[in-house]
C-alpha atoms as a PDB file:
ATOM      1  CA  MET A   1      -0.101   0.319   0.106  1.00  0.00           C
ATOM      2  CA  VAL A   2       1.359   3.449  -0.880  1.00  0.00           C
ATOM      3  CA  SER A   3       1.866   5.555   2.647  1.00  0.00           C
ATOM      4  CA  VAL A   4      -0.117   8.649   3.308  1.00  0.00           C
ATOM      5  CA  TYR A   5       3.457  10.303   3.732  1.00  0.00           C
ATOM      6  CA  LEU A   6       4.018   9.779   0.102  1.00  0.00           C
ATOM      7  CA  LEU A   7       0.686  10.980  -1.168  1.00  0.00           C
ATOM      8  CA  THR A   8       0.793  13.727   1.094  1.00  0.00           C
ATOM      9  CA  LEU A   9       4.016  14.773  -0.630  1.00  0.00           C
ATOM     10  CA  LEU A  10       3.073  14.422  -3.831  1.00  0.00           C
ATOM     11  CA  LEU A  11       0.043  16.510  -3.978  1.00  0.00           C
ATOM     12  CA  ASN A  12       0.587  19.003  -0.673  1.00  0.00           C
ATOM     13  CA  PRO A  13       3.086  22.418  -1.698  1.00  0.00           C
ATOM     14  CA  THR A  14       3.826  22.982   1.754  1.00  0.00           C
ATOM     15  CA  GLN A  15       5.226  19.391   2.109  1.00  0.00           C
ATOM     16  CA  GLN A  16       6.950  19.392  -1.056  1.00  0.00           C
ATOM     17  CA  THR A  17       8.450  22.629  -0.008  1.00  0.00           C
ATOM     18  CA  ILE A  18       9.770  21.044   3.438  1.00  0.00           C
ATOM     19  CA  ALA A  19      10.952  18.073   1.058  1.00  0.00           C
ATOM     20  CA  LYS A  20      13.079  20.022  -0.865  1.00  0.00           C
ATOM     21  CA  ASN A  21      14.709  21.726   1.887  1.00  0.00           C
ATOM     22  CA  VAL A  22      15.564  18.630   3.734  1.00  0.00           C
ATOM     23  CA  GLY A  23      16.879  17.382   0.169  1.00  0.00           C
ATOM     24  CA  VAL A  24      14.040  14.852  -1.021  1.00  0.00           C
ATOM     25  CA  ASN A  25      14.403  14.087  -4.840  1.00  0.00           C
ATOM     26  CA  LEU A  26      10.769  15.158  -5.373  1.00  0.00           C
ATOM     27  CA  LYS A  27      11.013  13.308  -9.251  1.00  0.00           C
ATOM     28  CA  LYS A  28      11.877   9.866  -7.730  1.00  0.00           C
ATOM     29  CA  VAL A  29       9.644   9.976  -5.406  1.00  0.00           C
ATOM     30  CA  ARG A  30       6.583  10.621  -8.291  1.00  0.00           C
ATOM     31  CA  LEU A  31       8.140   8.257 -10.350  1.00  0.00           C
ATOM     32  CA  ILE A  32       8.384   5.295  -7.064  1.00  0.00           C
ATOM     33  CA  ILE A  33       4.613   6.218  -6.567  1.00  0.00           C
ATOM     34  CA  SER A  34       3.404   5.954 -10.202  1.00  0.00           C
ATOM     35  CA  ILE A  35       4.931   2.488 -10.444  1.00  0.00           C
ATOM     36  CA  ILE A  36       3.425   1.427  -7.169  1.00  0.00           C
ATOM     37  CA  LEU A  37      -0.183   2.662  -8.348  1.00  0.00           C
ATOM     38  CA  THR A  38       0.065   1.149 -11.867  1.00  0.00           C
ATOM     39  CA  PHE A  39       0.772  -2.317 -10.180  1.00  0.00           C
ATOM     40  CA  SER A  40      -1.644  -1.419  -7.453  1.00  0.00           C
ATOM     41  CA  ILE A  41      -4.735  -0.547  -9.494  1.00  0.00           C
ATOM     42  CA  PHE A  42      -3.923  -3.110 -12.409  1.00  0.00           C
ATOM     43  CA  PRO A  43      -3.040  -6.591 -10.880  1.00  0.00           C
ATOM     44  CA  THR A  44      -4.326  -8.888 -12.756  1.00  0.00           C
ATOM     45  CA  PHE A  45      -3.305  -7.664 -16.581  1.00  0.00           C
ATOM     46  CA  GLY A  46      -0.874  -9.184 -18.686  1.00  0.00           C
ATOM     47  CA  GLN A  47       0.627 -12.933 -19.652  1.00  0.00           C
ATOM     48  CA  ASP A  48       0.226 -14.240 -16.045  1.00  0.00           C
ATOM     49  CA  PHE A  49      -0.610 -17.930 -17.213  1.00  0.00           C
ATOM     50  CA  GLU A  50       1.900 -20.105 -17.358  1.00  0.00           C
ATOM     51  CA  ILE A  51       2.868 -24.366 -18.230  1.00  0.00           C
ATOM     52  CA  VAL A  52       2.773 -26.140 -15.070  1.00  0.00           C
ATOM     53  CA  LYS A  53       3.292 -29.643 -14.583  1.00  0.00           C
ATOM     54  CA  SER A  54       0.820 -32.405 -13.666  1.00  0.00           C
ATOM     55  CA  ASP A  55       1.400 -36.211 -12.669  1.00  0.00           C
ATOM     56  CA  SER A  56       0.026 -39.509 -13.678  1.00  0.00           C
ATOM     57  CA  ILE A  57      -2.314 -40.995 -11.580  1.00  0.00           C
ATOM     58  CA  VAL A  58      -0.847 -44.132  -9.931  1.00  0.00           C
ATOM     59  CA  ASP A  59      -4.233 -45.557  -8.507  1.00  0.00           C
ATOM     60  CA  LYS A  60      -6.369 -45.479 -11.211  1.00  0.00           C
ATOM     61  CA  LEU A  61     -10.301 -45.267 -11.021  1.00  0.00           C
ATOM     62  CA  LYS A  62     -11.831 -48.493 -13.164  1.00  0.00           C
ATOM     63  CA  ILE A  63     -14.253 -46.919 -15.184  1.00  0.00           C
ATOM     64  CA  ASP A  64     -16.711 -49.265 -16.460  1.00  0.00           C
ATOM     65  CA  SER A  65     -16.176 -50.419 -20.254  1.00  0.00           C
ATOM     66  CA  ILE A  66     -13.763 -47.439 -20.710  1.00  0.00           C
ATOM     67  CA  LYS A  67     -10.538 -48.339 -22.082  1.00  0.00           C
ATOM     68  CA  ILE A  68      -7.929 -45.490 -19.978  1.00  0.00           C
ATOM     69  CA  VAL A  69      -4.988 -44.449 -22.165  1.00  0.00           C
ATOM     70  CA  GLU A  70      -3.539 -41.054 -20.326  1.00  0.00           C
ATOM     71  CA  THR A  71      -3.538 -39.947 -16.949  1.00  0.00           C
ATOM     72  CA  TYR A  72      -3.219 -36.582 -15.110  1.00  0.00           C
ATOM     73  CA  THR A  73      -3.860 -35.322 -11.768  1.00  0.00           C
ATOM     74  CA  LEU A  74      -3.286 -31.326 -10.510  1.00  0.00           C
ATOM     75  CA  ASP A  75      -4.724 -29.910  -7.421  1.00  0.00           C
ATOM     76  CA  ASN A  76      -6.545 -33.117  -6.448  1.00  0.00           C
ATOM     77  CA  PHE A  77      -8.535 -33.090  -9.496  1.00  0.00           C
ATOM     78  CA  ASP A  78      -8.130 -36.422 -11.775  1.00  0.00           C
ATOM     79  CA  TYR A  79      -8.286 -36.536 -15.510  1.00  0.00           C
ATOM     80  CA  TYR A  80      -8.429 -39.749 -17.942  1.00  0.00           C
ATOM     81  CA  VAL A  81      -8.362 -39.885 -21.518  1.00  0.00           C
ATOM     82  CA  GLY A  82      -9.919 -42.943 -22.722  1.00  0.00           C
ATOM     83  CA  TRP A  83     -12.775 -44.956 -24.989  1.00  0.00           C
ATOM     84  CA  TYR A  84     -15.592 -47.320 -24.511  1.00  0.00           C
ATOM     85  CA  GLU A  85     -14.058 -50.536 -25.161  1.00  0.00           C
ATOM     86  CA  ASN A  86     -17.924 -51.707 -26.584  1.00  0.00           C
ATOM     87  CA  SER A  87     -19.203 -48.744 -28.295  1.00  0.00           C
ATOM     88  CA  ASN A  88     -21.310 -48.470 -31.538  1.00  0.00           C
ATOM     89  CA  GLN A  89     -20.568 -46.675 -34.905  1.00  0.00           C
ATOM     90  CA  LYS A  90     -22.322 -42.936 -34.132  1.00  0.00           C
ATOM     91  CA  ASP A  91     -20.198 -43.416 -30.309  1.00  0.00           C
ATOM     92  CA  TYR A  92     -16.492 -43.879 -30.489  1.00  0.00           C
ATOM     93  CA  GLY A  93     -12.973 -42.445 -30.220  1.00  0.00           C
ATOM     94  CA  LEU A  94     -11.534 -41.296 -26.939  1.00  0.00           C
ATOM     95  CA  ARG A  95     -13.072 -38.966 -24.148  1.00  0.00           C
ATOM     96  CA  LEU A  96     -11.915 -36.797 -21.984  1.00  0.00           C
ATOM     97  CA  TYR A  97     -13.448 -37.573 -17.951  1.00  0.00           C
ATOM     98  CA  VAL A  98     -13.046 -35.086 -15.138  1.00  0.00           C
ATOM     99  CA  PHE A  99     -13.115 -35.892 -11.537  1.00  0.00           C
ATOM    100  CA  ASN A 100     -13.376 -33.464  -8.666  1.00  0.00           C
ATOM    101  CA  PRO A 101     -11.613 -34.035  -5.198  1.00  0.00           C
ATOM    102  CA  ASN A 102     -14.673 -36.018  -3.823  1.00  0.00           C
ATOM    103  CA  GLY A 103     -14.333 -38.340  -6.956  1.00  0.00           C
ATOM    104  CA  ASN A 104     -17.109 -37.256  -8.080  1.00  0.00           C
ATOM    105  CA  LEU A 105     -17.266 -37.314 -12.196  1.00  0.00           C
ATOM    106  CA  ILE A 106     -17.830 -33.279 -13.191  1.00  0.00           C
ATOM    107  CA  TYR A 107     -17.175 -33.240 -16.829  1.00  0.00           C
ATOM    108  CA  LYS A 108     -17.205 -35.909 -20.089  1.00  0.00           C
ATOM    109  CA  SER A 109     -16.726 -34.665 -23.370  1.00  0.00           C
ATOM    110  CA  ASN A 110     -18.246 -35.240 -26.731  1.00  0.00           C
ATOM    111  CA  SER A 111     -15.871 -38.058 -28.788  1.00  0.00           C
ATOM    112  CA  PHE A 112     -13.104 -37.024 -30.585  1.00  0.00           C
ATOM    113  CA  MET A 113     -13.803 -39.585 -33.092  1.00  0.00           C
ATOM    114  CA  ASP A 114     -10.665 -40.050 -35.206  1.00  0.00           C
ATOM    115  CA  SER A 115      -8.356 -38.861 -33.388  1.00  0.00           C
ATOM    116  CA  TYR A 116      -5.305 -40.539 -31.568  1.00  0.00           C
ATOM    117  CA  THR A 117      -4.562 -38.092 -28.861  1.00  0.00           C
ATOM    118  CA  HIS A 118      -6.166 -35.990 -26.496  1.00  0.00           C
ATOM    119  CA  SER A 119      -3.026 -34.863 -24.837  1.00  0.00           C
ATOM    120  CA  LEU A 120      -3.441 -32.294 -21.736  1.00  0.00           C
ATOM    121  CA  THR A 121      -1.322 -29.148 -21.168  1.00  0.00           C
ATOM    122  CA  PHE A 122      -2.518 -27.264 -17.997  1.00  0.00           C
ATOM    123  CA  PHE A 123      -1.827 -23.577 -17.028  1.00  0.00           C
ATOM    124  CA  LYS A 124      -2.403 -21.609 -13.787  1.00  0.00           C
ATOM    125  CA  SER A 125      -1.847 -18.262 -12.875  1.00  0.00           C
ATOM    126  CA  TYR A 126      -0.240 -17.192  -9.477  1.00  0.00           C
ATOM    127  CA  ARG A 127      -2.856 -13.346 -10.263  1.00  0.00           C
ATOM    128  CA  ASN A 128      -5.454 -15.821 -10.981  1.00  0.00           C
ATOM    129  CA  PRO A 129      -5.796 -19.272  -8.823  1.00  0.00           C
ATOM    130  CA  GLU A 130      -8.782 -20.052  -9.182  1.00  0.00           C
ATOM    131  CA  LYS A 131      -8.552 -20.201 -12.941  1.00  0.00           C
ATOM    132  CA  THR A 132      -6.737 -23.019 -14.344  1.00  0.00           C
ATOM    133  CA  ILE A 133      -6.850 -23.443 -18.514  1.00  0.00           C
ATOM    134  CA  ILE A 134      -6.744 -26.844 -19.944  1.00  0.00           C
ATOM    135  CA  LEU A 135      -5.529 -27.347 -23.883  1.00  0.00           C
ATOM    136  CA  GLY A 136      -6.304 -30.491 -25.085  1.00  0.00           C
ATOM    137  CA  HIS A 137      -4.249 -31.719 -28.181  1.00  0.00           C
ATOM    138  CA  SER A 138      -6.060 -33.876 -30.356  1.00  0.00           C
ATOM    139  CA  SER A 139      -4.302 -35.373 -33.664  1.00  0.00           C
ATOM    140  CA  ASN A 140      -3.892 -38.171 -35.831  1.00  0.00           C
ATOM    141  CA  GLU A 141      -1.085 -38.130 -39.044  1.00  0.00           C
ATOM    142  CA  TYR A 142      -0.835 -34.513 -37.970  1.00  0.00           C
ATOM    143  CA  SER A 143      -2.233 -31.746 -35.315  1.00  0.00           C
ATOM    144  CA  TRP A 144      -6.547 -30.805 -35.129  1.00  0.00           C
ATOM    145  CA  GLY A 145      -5.818 -28.159 -32.925  1.00  0.00           C
ATOM    146  CA  ASN A 146      -6.272 -27.669 -29.222  1.00  0.00           C
ATOM    147  CA  GLU A 147      -9.546 -27.825 -27.387  1.00  0.00           C
ATOM    148  CA  VAL A 148      -9.656 -25.454 -24.990  1.00  0.00           C
ATOM    149  CA  TYR A 149     -11.512 -25.887 -20.942  1.00  0.00           C
ATOM    150  CA  LEU A 150     -11.484 -23.428 -18.499  1.00  0.00           C
ATOM    151  CA  LEU A 151     -11.324 -25.011 -14.726  1.00  0.00           C
ATOM    152  CA  LYS A 152     -12.991 -22.332 -12.095  1.00  0.00           C
ATOM    153  CA  ASP A 153     -14.346 -23.001  -8.921  1.00  0.00           C
ATOM    154  CA  GLY A 154     -14.604 -26.384  -8.994  1.00  0.00           C
ATOM    155  CA  GLU A 155     -16.558 -26.351 -12.253  1.00  0.00           C
ATOM    156  CA  ILE A 156     -15.366 -26.953 -15.609  1.00  0.00           C
ATOM    157  CA  LYS A 157     -16.153 -26.559 -19.088  1.00  0.00           C
ATOM    158  CA  HIS A 158     -15.644 -26.233 -22.761  1.00  0.00           C
ATOM    159  CA  ILE A 159     -15.038 -22.932 -24.342  1.00  0.00           C
ATOM    160  CA  GLY A 160     -13.791 -23.329 -27.887  1.00  0.00           C
ATOM    161  CA  LEU A 161     -10.851 -24.436 -30.093  1.00  0.00           C
ATOM    162  CA  LEU A 162      -7.329 -23.120 -31.000  1.00  0.00           C
ATOM    163  CA  ASP A 163      -7.482 -24.036 -34.974  1.00  0.00           C
ATOM    164  CA  VAL A 164      -4.351 -23.816 -35.486  1.00  0.00           C
ATOM    165  CA  GLY A 165      -0.893 -26.390 -35.215  1.00  0.00           C
ATOM    166  CA  THR A 166       2.539 -25.582 -35.764  1.00  0.00           C
ATOM    167  CA  PHE A 167       4.021 -25.138 -39.539  1.00  0.00           C
ATOM    168  CA  ASP A 168       7.503 -27.184 -40.634  1.00  0.00           C
ATOM    169  CA  SER A 169       8.068 -27.216 -44.339  1.00  0.00           C
ATOM    170  CA  MET A 170       9.566 -30.635 -43.328  1.00  0.00           C
ATOM    171  CA  ASP A 171       6.920 -32.084 -41.305  1.00  0.00           C
ATOM    172  CA  MET A 172       3.324 -32.056 -40.842  1.00  0.00           C
ATOM    173  CA  PRO A 173       1.407 -29.640 -38.145  1.00  0.00           C
ATOM    174  CA  TRP A 174       1.728 -30.161 -34.628  1.00  0.00           C
ATOM    175  CA  ASP A 175       0.984 -29.528 -31.208  1.00  0.00           C
ATOM    176  CA  ILE A 176       0.785 -25.705 -30.732  1.00  0.00           C
ATOM    177  CA  SER A 177       0.398 -25.756 -26.671  1.00  0.00           C
ATOM    178  CA  ASN A 178       3.752 -25.454 -25.734  1.00  0.00           C
ATOM    179  CA  HIS A 179       3.960 -22.385 -27.582  1.00  0.00           C
ATOM    180  CA  THR A 180       0.747 -20.615 -26.478  1.00  0.00           C
ATOM    181  CA  GLU A 181       0.794 -17.307 -24.356  1.00  0.00           C
ATOM    182  CA  ILE A 182      -2.402 -16.419 -22.521  1.00  0.00           C
ATOM    183  CA  TRP A 183      -2.899 -12.924 -21.253  1.00  0.00           C
ATOM    184  CA  THR A 184      -5.572 -11.743 -18.367  1.00  0.00           C
ATOM    185  CA  VAL A 185      -7.446  -8.679 -20.263  1.00  0.00           C
ATOM    186  CA  THR A 186     -10.038  -6.600 -18.801  1.00  0.00           C
ATOM    187  CA  ASP A 187     -12.781  -8.179 -20.220  1.00  0.00           C
ATOM    188  CA  GLY A 188     -11.514 -12.165 -20.594  1.00  0.00           C
ATOM    189  CA  LEU A 189      -8.855 -13.754 -21.837  1.00  0.00           C
ATOM    190  CA  ARG A 190      -6.377 -13.737 -24.658  1.00  0.00           C
ATOM    191  CA  PHE A 191      -4.600 -15.994 -26.883  1.00  0.00           C
ATOM    192  CA  THR A 192      -1.398 -15.620 -28.496  1.00  0.00           C
ATOM    193  CA  PHE A 193       1.153 -17.656 -30.239  1.00  0.00           C
ATOM    194  CA  SER A 194       4.973 -17.310 -29.739  1.00  0.00           C
ATOM    195  CA  TYR A 195       5.659 -19.994 -33.251  1.00  0.00           C
ATOM    196  CA  ASP A 196       7.064 -17.703 -35.932  1.00  0.00           C
ATOM    197  CA  SER A 197       4.664 -20.115 -38.722  1.00  0.00           C
ATOM    198  CA  LEU A 198       1.338 -21.335 -37.910  1.00  0.00           C
ATOM    199  CA  THR A 199      -1.132 -23.862 -39.546  1.00  0.00           C
ATOM    200  CA  TYR A 200      -4.608 -22.418 -39.522  1.00  0.00           C
ATOM    201  CA  ASN A 201      -7.149 -25.093 -39.539  1.00  0.00           C
ATOM    202  CA  PRO A 202      -4.647 -28.189 -40.214  1.00  0.00           C
ATOM    203  CA  GLY A 203      -6.173 -30.965 -42.719  1.00  0.00           C
ATOM    204  CA  GLY A 204      -9.221 -28.347 -43.010  1.00  0.00           C
ATOM    205  CA  LYS A 205     -10.615 -27.110 -46.133  1.00  0.00           C
ATOM    206  CA  ASN A 206      -9.452 -23.595 -44.926  1.00  0.00           C
ATOM    207  CA  GLU A 207      -5.923 -24.662 -44.267  1.00  0.00           C
ATOM    208  CA  ARG A 208      -3.158 -21.836 -44.579  1.00  0.00           C
ATOM    209  CA  ILE A 209      -0.260 -20.942 -43.401  1.00  0.00           C
ATOM    210  CA  LEU A 210      -0.325 -17.717 -40.943  1.00  0.00           C
ATOM    211  CA  THR A 211       2.314 -15.842 -38.966  1.00  0.00           C
ATOM    212  CA  LYS A 212       2.051 -15.775 -35.584  1.00  0.00           C
ATOM    213  CA  GLU A 213       1.075 -11.684 -35.620  1.00  0.00           C
ATOM    214  CA  GLN A 214      -2.057 -12.693 -37.819  1.00  0.00           C
ATOM    215  CA  ILE A 215      -4.050 -14.813 -35.451  1.00  0.00           C
ATOM    216  CA  GLU A 216      -5.256 -14.262 -31.823  1.00  0.00           C
ATOM    217  CA  TYR A 217      -8.242 -15.629 -29.783  1.00  0.00           C
ATOM    218  CA  LYS A 218     -10.308 -14.050 -26.957  1.00  0.00           C
ATOM    219  CA  TYR A 219     -12.212 -15.415 -24.811  1.00  0.00           C
ATOM    220  CA  GLU A 220     -15.097 -12.693 -24.021  1.00  0.00           C
ATOM    221  CA  ASP A 221     -18.848 -12.950 -23.129  1.00  0.00           C
ATOM    222  CA  GLY A 222     -18.388 -16.840 -22.369  1.00  0.00           C
ATOM    223  CA  GLN A 223     -17.045 -17.258 -26.481  1.00  0.00           C
ATOM    224  CA  LEU A 224     -13.521 -18.280 -27.789  1.00  0.00           C
ATOM    225  CA  LYS A 225     -13.723 -15.775 -30.610  1.00  0.00           C
ATOM    226  CA  GLU A 226     -11.164 -15.825 -33.575  1.00  0.00           C
ATOM    227  CA  LYS A 227      -9.382 -13.008 -34.611  1.00  0.00           C
ATOM    228  CA  ILE A 228      -7.082 -13.293 -37.948  1.00  0.00           C
ATOM    229  CA  LYS A 229      -5.532 -10.194 -39.709  1.00  0.00           C
ATOM    230  CA  ASN A 230      -4.480 -10.754 -43.598  1.00  0.00           C
END
């Protein structure tokens, strides 16, 4: 908190005169106050989400008829990726299952059909500790982009798709999660990328190459919105 003396010194001409007489550098005082006020008033803005390490689950739950292929645990929430062993043609493929610390199933995704993977990457923020952002990478021979999930106050929801992968002229588009930057903004979240060349809509009819400056995503009003610059 900014001290009462410093604020008085900044605003009161009499105090400023006294300070000059005892050798106080008012320019330095104003600079210090400006910096303190900036971080006090705007504590939640900036690229504050970072990748955090999760662990595998040792004592796996046995979910009826589900073949588990990947597990993750973070902050006592457990994440399972698997498929129905006995499924019909309309209901096949990997799914994500999330259990809360009480062992209750709180989320089950739709199936990812022909995807070989749904690998999870977790992001947390020391400024916004109540939020965890999870990217789920689906792929077969190439990346399908990353599904985005938001865990907040014990509830998880799917908020959209980052429809991009890395671009490498020698290889197929692949997972962008390690090159994703997540920013807190006034009305939501902003997703940008640090990889120089990106494949937009990999494997889709709108596939094309973009620079990292040409595309970003913003989560606002409950929707993940795509913004592409020509």
